[in-house]
Amino acid sequence: MKIKKKGHISQRGEKSFRFKYETGADPVTGKRVTKYLTVKGTKKDAQAKLNEILHNLDVGAYVDPSKKTVAPRAS
């Protein structure tokens, strides 16, 4: 049985929304792994981004957004 992934959106500022979602369980500890992401724009924009992430989690195409870049270092 496939478990449907869920998330939650909360308003942070006038045009800023944060959503939280779970990416599954940690294989070592077995605890749930919860991620947070902030989106600037409307609630509709935040809902669209959350839907995209939840869909990618369901189909196995999820890539964790991180702060690392692939840009070359400046000399």
N, C-alpha and C. Protein backbone atom coordinates (compact mmCIF):
# COMPACT_ATOMS: atom_id res chain seq x y z
N MET A 1 0.84 -1.18 0.00
CA MET A 1 0.00 0.00 0.00
C MET A 1 0.88 1.24 0.00
N LYS A 2 0.60 2.16 -0.90
CA LYS A 2 1.38 3.38 -1.02
C LYS A 2 0.82 4.43 -0.05
N ILE A 3 1.72 5.07 0.69
CA ILE A 3 1.32 6.11 1.64
C ILE A 3 1.38 7.46 0.95
N LYS A 4 0.29 8.21 1.03
CA LYS A 4 0.24 9.55 0.42
C LYS A 4 1.01 10.51 1.30
N LYS A 5 1.94 11.25 0.70
CA LYS A 5 2.75 12.23 1.42
C LYS A 5 1.93 13.49 1.65
N LYS A 6 2.17 14.15 2.78
CA LYS A 6 1.45 15.37 3.12
C LYS A 6 2.43 16.46 3.51
N GLY A 7 1.96 17.69 3.49
CA GLY A 7 2.75 18.83 3.91
C GLY A 7 1.84 19.87 4.55
N HIS A 8 2.45 20.91 5.09
CA HIS A 8 1.70 21.97 5.75
C HIS A 8 2.30 23.32 5.38
N ILE A 9 1.43 24.29 5.05
CA ILE A 9 1.88 25.64 4.69
C ILE A 9 1.48 26.60 5.79
N SER A 10 2.43 27.48 6.17
CA SER A 10 2.12 28.54 7.13
C SER A 10 2.69 29.85 6.61
N GLN A 11 1.99 30.94 6.92
CA GLN A 11 2.42 32.25 6.45
C GLN A 11 3.48 32.80 7.38
N ARG A 12 4.58 33.31 6.81
CA ARG A 12 5.69 33.84 7.60
C ARG A 12 5.71 35.36 7.59
N GLY A 13 5.36 35.95 6.49
CA GLY A 13 5.35 37.40 6.34
C GLY A 13 4.23 37.78 5.39
N GLU A 14 4.27 39.03 4.91
CA GLU A 14 3.21 39.48 4.02
C GLU A 14 3.15 38.66 2.74
N LYS A 15 4.33 38.39 2.15
CA LYS A 15 4.39 37.61 0.91
C LYS A 15 5.41 36.49 1.02
N SER A 16 5.42 35.82 2.16
CA SER A 16 6.36 34.75 2.41
C SER A 16 5.64 33.60 3.11
N PHE A 17 5.82 32.40 2.59
CA PHE A 17 5.18 31.22 3.15
C PHE A 17 6.22 30.14 3.37
N ARG A 18 6.06 29.41 4.46
CA ARG A 18 6.96 28.29 4.75
C ARG A 18 6.13 27.02 4.75
N PHE A 19 6.66 25.99 4.13
CA PHE A 19 5.97 24.72 4.23
C PHE A 19 6.90 23.66 4.76
N LYS A 20 6.28 22.69 5.39
CA LYS A 20 7.03 21.58 5.96
C LYS A 20 6.51 20.29 5.35
N TYR A 21 7.42 19.36 5.13
CA TYR A 21 7.06 18.08 4.55
C TYR A 21 8.03 17.04 5.06
N GLU A 22 7.64 15.78 5.00
CA GLU A 22 8.48 14.69 5.45
C GLU A 22 9.02 13.92 4.25
N THR A 23 10.31 13.59 4.33
CA THR A 23 10.95 12.87 3.22
C THR A 23 11.07 11.38 3.50
N GLY A 24 10.53 10.93 4.61
CA GLY A 24 10.60 9.51 4.95
C GLY A 24 11.26 9.33 6.30
N ALA A 25 11.82 8.16 6.53
CA ALA A 25 12.45 7.85 7.80
C ALA A 25 13.96 7.74 7.62
N ASP A 26 14.69 8.16 8.65
CA ASP A 26 16.15 8.01 8.66
C ASP A 26 16.47 6.52 8.75
N PRO A 27 17.29 5.99 7.85
CA PRO A 27 17.56 4.55 7.86
C PRO A 27 18.29 4.08 9.12
N VAL A 28 19.05 4.95 9.76
CA VAL A 28 19.82 4.55 10.94
C VAL A 28 18.97 4.60 12.20
N THR A 29 18.31 5.73 12.43
CA THR A 29 17.56 5.92 13.67
C THR A 29 16.10 5.53 13.55
N GLY A 30 15.56 5.54 12.35
CA GLY A 30 14.15 5.23 12.15
C GLY A 30 13.23 6.42 12.42
N LYS A 31 13.80 7.58 12.76
CA LYS A 31 13.00 8.77 13.03
C LYS A 31 12.59 9.43 11.73
N ARG A 32 11.45 10.15 11.79
CA ARG A 32 10.98 10.88 10.61
C ARG A 32 11.93 12.02 10.28
N VAL A 33 12.13 12.27 8.98
CA VAL A 33 12.97 13.37 8.52
C VAL A 33 12.04 14.46 7.99
N THR A 34 12.03 15.62 8.67
CA THR A 34 11.17 16.73 8.30
C THR A 34 12.00 17.84 7.69
N LYS A 35 11.54 18.36 6.55
CA LYS A 35 12.22 19.45 5.85
C LYS A 35 11.31 20.67 5.84
N TYR A 36 11.92 21.85 5.81
CA TYR A 36 11.21 23.12 5.74
C TYR A 36 11.74 23.90 4.55
N LEU A 37 10.86 24.63 3.87
CA LEU A 37 11.27 25.46 2.75
C LEU A 37 10.40 26.71 2.73
N THR A 38 11.04 27.87 2.52
CA THR A 38 10.32 29.14 2.45
C THR A 38 10.20 29.57 1.00
N VAL A 39 9.01 30.04 0.64
CA VAL A 39 8.72 30.50 -0.72
C VAL A 39 8.22 31.92 -0.63
N LYS A 40 8.80 32.79 -1.44
CA LYS A 40 8.33 34.17 -1.51
C LYS A 40 7.33 34.26 -2.64
N GLY A 41 6.20 34.91 -2.38
CA GLY A 41 5.14 35.03 -3.37
C GLY A 41 3.79 34.84 -2.69
N THR A 42 2.86 34.29 -3.44
CA THR A 42 1.52 34.08 -2.91
C THR A 42 1.39 32.68 -2.32
N LYS A 43 0.28 32.46 -1.62
CA LYS A 43 0.03 31.13 -1.07
C LYS A 43 -0.14 30.13 -2.20
N LYS A 44 -0.67 30.59 -3.32
CA LYS A 44 -0.85 29.72 -4.48
C LYS A 44 0.51 29.25 -5.01
N ASP A 45 1.51 30.15 -5.01
CA ASP A 45 2.87 29.77 -5.42
C ASP A 45 3.44 28.71 -4.47
N ALA A 46 3.23 28.93 -3.17
CA ALA A 46 3.74 27.99 -2.18
C ALA A 46 3.06 26.63 -2.33
N GLN A 47 1.75 26.62 -2.57
CA GLN A 47 1.03 25.37 -2.75
C GLN A 47 1.52 24.63 -3.99
N ALA A 48 1.80 25.36 -5.06
CA ALA A 48 2.30 24.74 -6.29
C ALA A 48 3.67 24.09 -6.04
N LYS A 49 4.56 24.78 -5.34
CA LYS A 49 5.90 24.23 -5.04
C LYS A 49 5.79 23.01 -4.14
N LEU A 50 4.91 23.08 -3.12
CA LEU A 50 4.71 21.94 -2.23
C LEU A 50 4.17 20.75 -3.02
N ASN A 51 3.21 20.98 -3.90
CA ASN A 51 2.66 19.89 -4.72
C ASN A 51 3.75 19.26 -5.59
N GLU A 52 4.63 20.10 -6.14
CA GLU A 52 5.73 19.60 -6.97
C GLU A 52 6.66 18.70 -6.15
N ILE A 53 7.03 19.14 -4.96
CA ILE A 53 7.93 18.35 -4.11
C ILE A 53 7.27 17.05 -3.68
N LEU A 54 5.99 17.11 -3.27
CA LEU A 54 5.29 15.90 -2.85
C LEU A 54 5.15 14.91 -4.01
N HIS A 55 4.91 15.42 -5.21
CA HIS A 55 4.83 14.54 -6.38
C HIS A 55 6.18 13.86 -6.63
N ASN A 56 7.27 14.64 -6.55
CA ASN A 56 8.60 14.06 -6.76
C ASN A 56 8.92 13.02 -5.69
N LEU A 57 8.48 13.23 -4.47
CA LEU A 57 8.67 12.23 -3.42
C LEU A 57 7.91 10.95 -3.75
N ASP A 58 6.69 11.08 -4.26
CA ASP A 58 5.86 9.92 -4.58
C ASP A 58 6.45 9.08 -5.71
N VAL A 59 7.01 9.75 -6.73
CA VAL A 59 7.53 9.01 -7.88
C VAL A 59 9.01 8.65 -7.75
N GLY A 60 9.64 9.10 -6.67
CA GLY A 60 11.04 8.75 -6.45
C GLY A 60 12.04 9.65 -7.15
N ALA A 61 11.61 10.84 -7.58
CA ALA A 61 12.49 11.76 -8.29
C ALA A 61 12.91 12.93 -7.42
N TYR A 62 12.74 12.82 -6.11
CA TYR A 62 13.03 13.93 -5.20
C TYR A 62 14.53 14.14 -5.05
N VAL A 63 14.95 15.40 -5.17
CA VAL A 63 16.33 15.80 -4.91
C VAL A 63 16.28 16.85 -3.82
N ASP A 64 16.97 16.61 -2.72
CA ASP A 64 16.94 17.51 -1.57
C ASP A 64 17.53 18.87 -1.93
N PRO A 65 16.75 19.95 -1.77
CA PRO A 65 17.32 21.28 -2.02
C PRO A 65 18.35 21.61 -0.96
N SER A 66 19.50 22.06 -1.39
CA SER A 66 20.55 22.37 -0.43
C SER A 66 21.15 23.72 -0.75
N LYS A 67 22.00 24.19 0.12
CA LYS A 67 22.64 25.48 -0.08
C LYS A 67 23.97 25.35 -0.83
N LYS A 68 24.33 24.17 -1.22
CA LYS A 68 25.57 23.96 -1.96
C LYS A 68 25.37 24.34 -3.41
N THR A 69 26.42 24.88 -4.00
CA THR A 69 26.36 25.27 -5.41
C THR A 69 27.39 24.46 -6.20
N VAL A 70 27.25 24.49 -7.49
CA VAL A 70 28.22 23.84 -8.36
C VAL A 70 29.02 24.87 -9.15
N ALA A 71 28.92 26.12 -8.75
CA ALA A 71 29.66 27.17 -9.43
C ALA A 71 31.16 27.05 -9.13
N PRO A 72 32.00 27.38 -10.10
CA PRO A 72 33.45 27.30 -9.87
C PRO A 72 33.87 28.38 -8.86
N ARG A 73 34.92 28.07 -8.14
CA ARG A 73 35.46 29.02 -7.17
C ARG A 73 36.13 30.18 -7.89
N ALA A 74 35.98 31.36 -7.34
CA ALA A 74 36.63 32.54 -7.92
C ALA A 74 38.12 32.50 -7.62
N SER A 75 38.93 32.87 -8.58
CA SER A 75 40.38 32.86 -8.38
C SER A 75 40.88 34.15 -7.81
